Protein backbone atom coordinates (compact mmCIF):
# COMPACT_ATOMS: atom_id res chain seq x y z
CA MET A 1 -9.58 -36.46 111.48
CA ALA A 2 -11.13 -39.34 113.35
CA SER A 3 -9.48 -42.72 113.75
CA LYS A 4 -10.94 -45.79 112.09
CA LYS A 5 -11.95 -47.06 115.54
CA LEU A 6 -13.89 -43.87 116.33
CA MET A 7 -15.64 -44.02 112.97
CA VAL A 8 -16.65 -47.64 113.63
CA LEU A 9 -18.04 -46.65 117.04
CA LEU A 10 -19.98 -43.75 115.49
CA ASN A 11 -21.59 -46.20 113.06
CA LYS A 12 -22.42 -48.52 115.99
CA ALA A 13 -24.10 -45.55 117.65
CA ILE A 14 -26.10 -44.80 114.51
CA ALA A 15 -27.27 -48.44 114.25
CA ARG A 16 -28.33 -48.30 117.90
CA GLU A 17 -30.18 -45.02 117.50
CA ILE A 18 -32.07 -46.31 114.46
CA GLN A 19 -32.92 -49.48 116.40
CA VAL A 20 -34.39 -47.74 119.41
CA SER A 21 -36.24 -45.10 117.43
CA ILE A 22 -38.10 -47.89 115.61
CA GLN A 23 -38.42 -50.03 118.75
CA TYR A 24 -39.94 -47.22 120.82
CA MET A 25 -42.22 -46.02 118.02
CA TRP A 26 -43.63 -49.52 117.48
CA GLN A 27 -44.05 -49.99 121.21
CA GLN A 28 -46.09 -46.80 121.52
CA VAL A 29 -48.27 -48.03 118.67
CA LEU A 30 -48.67 -51.55 120.09
CA TRP A 31 -48.98 -50.91 123.84
CA LYS A 32 -52.52 -51.41 125.05
CA GLY A 33 -54.34 -50.81 128.29
CA ILE A 34 -53.61 -48.27 130.96
CA GLU A 35 -49.82 -48.72 130.65
CA GLY A 36 -49.91 -47.86 126.96
CA PHE A 37 -52.17 -44.91 127.49
CA THR A 38 -50.00 -43.41 130.21
CA VAL A 39 -46.67 -43.63 128.35
CA LYS A 40 -47.66 -43.35 124.69
CA ASP A 41 -46.74 -39.68 124.27
CA GLU A 42 -43.49 -40.03 126.22
CA LEU A 43 -42.41 -43.02 124.13
CA ARG A 44 -43.14 -41.16 120.90
CA ALA A 45 -41.10 -38.18 122.11
CA ILE A 46 -38.18 -40.44 123.06
CA ALA A 47 -38.34 -42.21 119.67
CA LEU A 48 -38.13 -38.87 117.87
CA THR A 49 -35.20 -37.79 120.06
CA GLU A 50 -33.40 -41.02 119.20
CA MET A 51 -33.91 -40.38 115.47
CA ARG A 52 -32.47 -36.88 115.92
CA HIS A 53 -29.45 -38.46 117.61
CA ALA A 54 -28.99 -40.80 114.63
CA GLU A 55 -29.03 -37.81 112.29
CA GLU A 56 -26.53 -35.80 114.38
CA ILE A 57 -24.14 -38.73 114.64
CA ALA A 58 -24.48 -39.47 110.91
CA MET A 59 -23.62 -35.86 110.11
CA ARG A 60 -20.50 -36.10 112.29
CA LEU A 61 -19.46 -39.38 110.66
CA ALA A 62 -20.00 -37.88 107.19
CA TYR A 63 -17.84 -34.91 108.21
CA PHE A 64 -15.01 -37.39 108.76
CA GLY A 65 -15.63 -38.94 105.33
CA GLY A 66 -17.46 -41.99 106.68
CA ARG A 67 -20.65 -43.50 105.34
CA PRO A 68 -23.47 -43.81 107.90
CA THR A 69 -25.09 -47.21 108.23
CA THR A 70 -28.74 -47.71 107.35
CA GLU A 71 -28.93 -51.00 109.26
CA PRO A 72 -30.40 -50.89 112.76
CA ASP A 73 -29.25 -53.09 115.60
CA PRO A 74 -31.80 -55.89 116.29
CA ILE A 75 -35.20 -54.47 117.23
CA THR A 76 -36.91 -56.08 120.22
CA VAL A 77 -40.44 -54.82 120.77
CA GLY A 78 -41.51 -57.32 123.43
CA LYS A 79 -44.96 -58.79 124.06
CA THR A 80 -45.90 -57.46 127.49
CA PHE A 81 -45.52 -54.04 129.08
CA ARG A 82 -42.84 -55.24 131.52
CA GLN A 83 -40.97 -57.12 128.81
CA MET A 84 -40.97 -54.03 126.59
CA VAL A 85 -39.66 -51.79 129.35
CA ARG A 86 -36.96 -54.31 130.30
CA GLU A 87 -35.77 -54.35 126.67
CA ASP A 88 -35.77 -50.55 126.64
CA ILE A 89 -33.71 -50.43 129.83
CA LYS A 90 -31.22 -52.86 128.30
CA ALA A 91 -31.00 -50.71 125.15
CA GLU A 92 -30.41 -47.51 127.12
CA GLN A 93 -27.80 -49.15 129.35
CA GLY A 94 -25.98 -50.25 126.20
CA ALA A 95 -26.13 -46.70 124.86
CA VAL A 96 -24.71 -45.23 128.05
CA LYS A 97 -21.79 -47.68 127.95
CA LEU A 98 -21.11 -47.11 124.23
CA TYR A 99 -21.33 -43.34 124.47
CA LYS A 100 -18.92 -43.21 127.41
CA GLU A 101 -16.51 -45.24 125.29
CA ILE A 102 -16.94 -42.82 122.38
CA ILE A 103 -16.39 -39.82 124.65
CA ALA A 104 -13.20 -41.34 126.10
CA LEU A 105 -11.80 -42.15 122.65
CA ALA A 106 -12.75 -38.75 121.23
CA GLU A 107 -11.06 -37.06 124.20
CA LYS A 108 -7.94 -39.12 123.58
CA GLU A 109 -8.01 -38.02 119.92
CA LYS A 110 -8.63 -34.40 120.97
CA ASP A 111 -11.89 -34.38 119.00
CA TYR A 112 -13.70 -31.94 121.25
CA THR A 113 -16.68 -31.47 118.93
CA THR A 114 -17.52 -35.17 119.14
CA VAL A 115 -16.95 -35.10 122.91
CA THR A 116 -19.36 -32.18 123.33
CA MET A 117 -21.98 -33.76 121.06
CA PHE A 118 -21.84 -37.11 122.86
CA LYS A 119 -21.93 -35.56 126.32
CA THR A 120 -25.24 -33.96 125.35
CA ILE A 121 -26.56 -37.18 123.82
CA LEU A 122 -25.36 -39.17 126.85
CA ALA A 123 -27.31 -36.90 129.20
CA GLU A 124 -30.47 -37.49 127.15
CA GLU A 125 -29.88 -41.25 127.11
CA GLU A 126 -29.45 -41.27 130.88
CA ASP A 127 -32.75 -39.41 131.14
CA HIS A 128 -34.40 -42.06 128.93
CA LEU A 129 -32.92 -44.78 131.11
CA ASP A 130 -34.30 -43.06 134.20
CA THR A 131 -37.75 -42.86 132.58
CA PHE A 132 -37.79 -46.57 131.75
CA GLN A 133 -36.50 -47.57 135.18
CA ALA A 134 -39.20 -45.44 136.79
CA LEU A 135 -41.83 -47.27 134.73
CA LEU A 136 -40.74 -50.50 136.42
CA GLY A 137 -40.62 -48.82 139.82
CA LYS A 138 -36.81 -48.90 140.07
């Protein structure tokens, strides 16, 4: 079974995934102009991936007897294209850091299923981060 600390981190991950799924979905709805047109479909796809992550993590937490949160982390949509993308980069950087922490703790606890799940999710989050950085020309 998972430690209390791992279960807390899983709930943090769920709150983060709910946050970004809403954040990215609202951004794709609100973005205007050429920037919005060019990234609308990609943002929607990322938002849906993030919601799938929330579900996967919630299922893992429930397996351990935990109760998944329904509260997202603070949602920051932004007002301009660059502001939105900067917020998205910050969110993805936070995810990468958190998920590496979860992987390390799960490895320590010999919870290989959680390790495998989060390595897959981490790879997708790094891809999202790369997408957002590319939008700012980084």
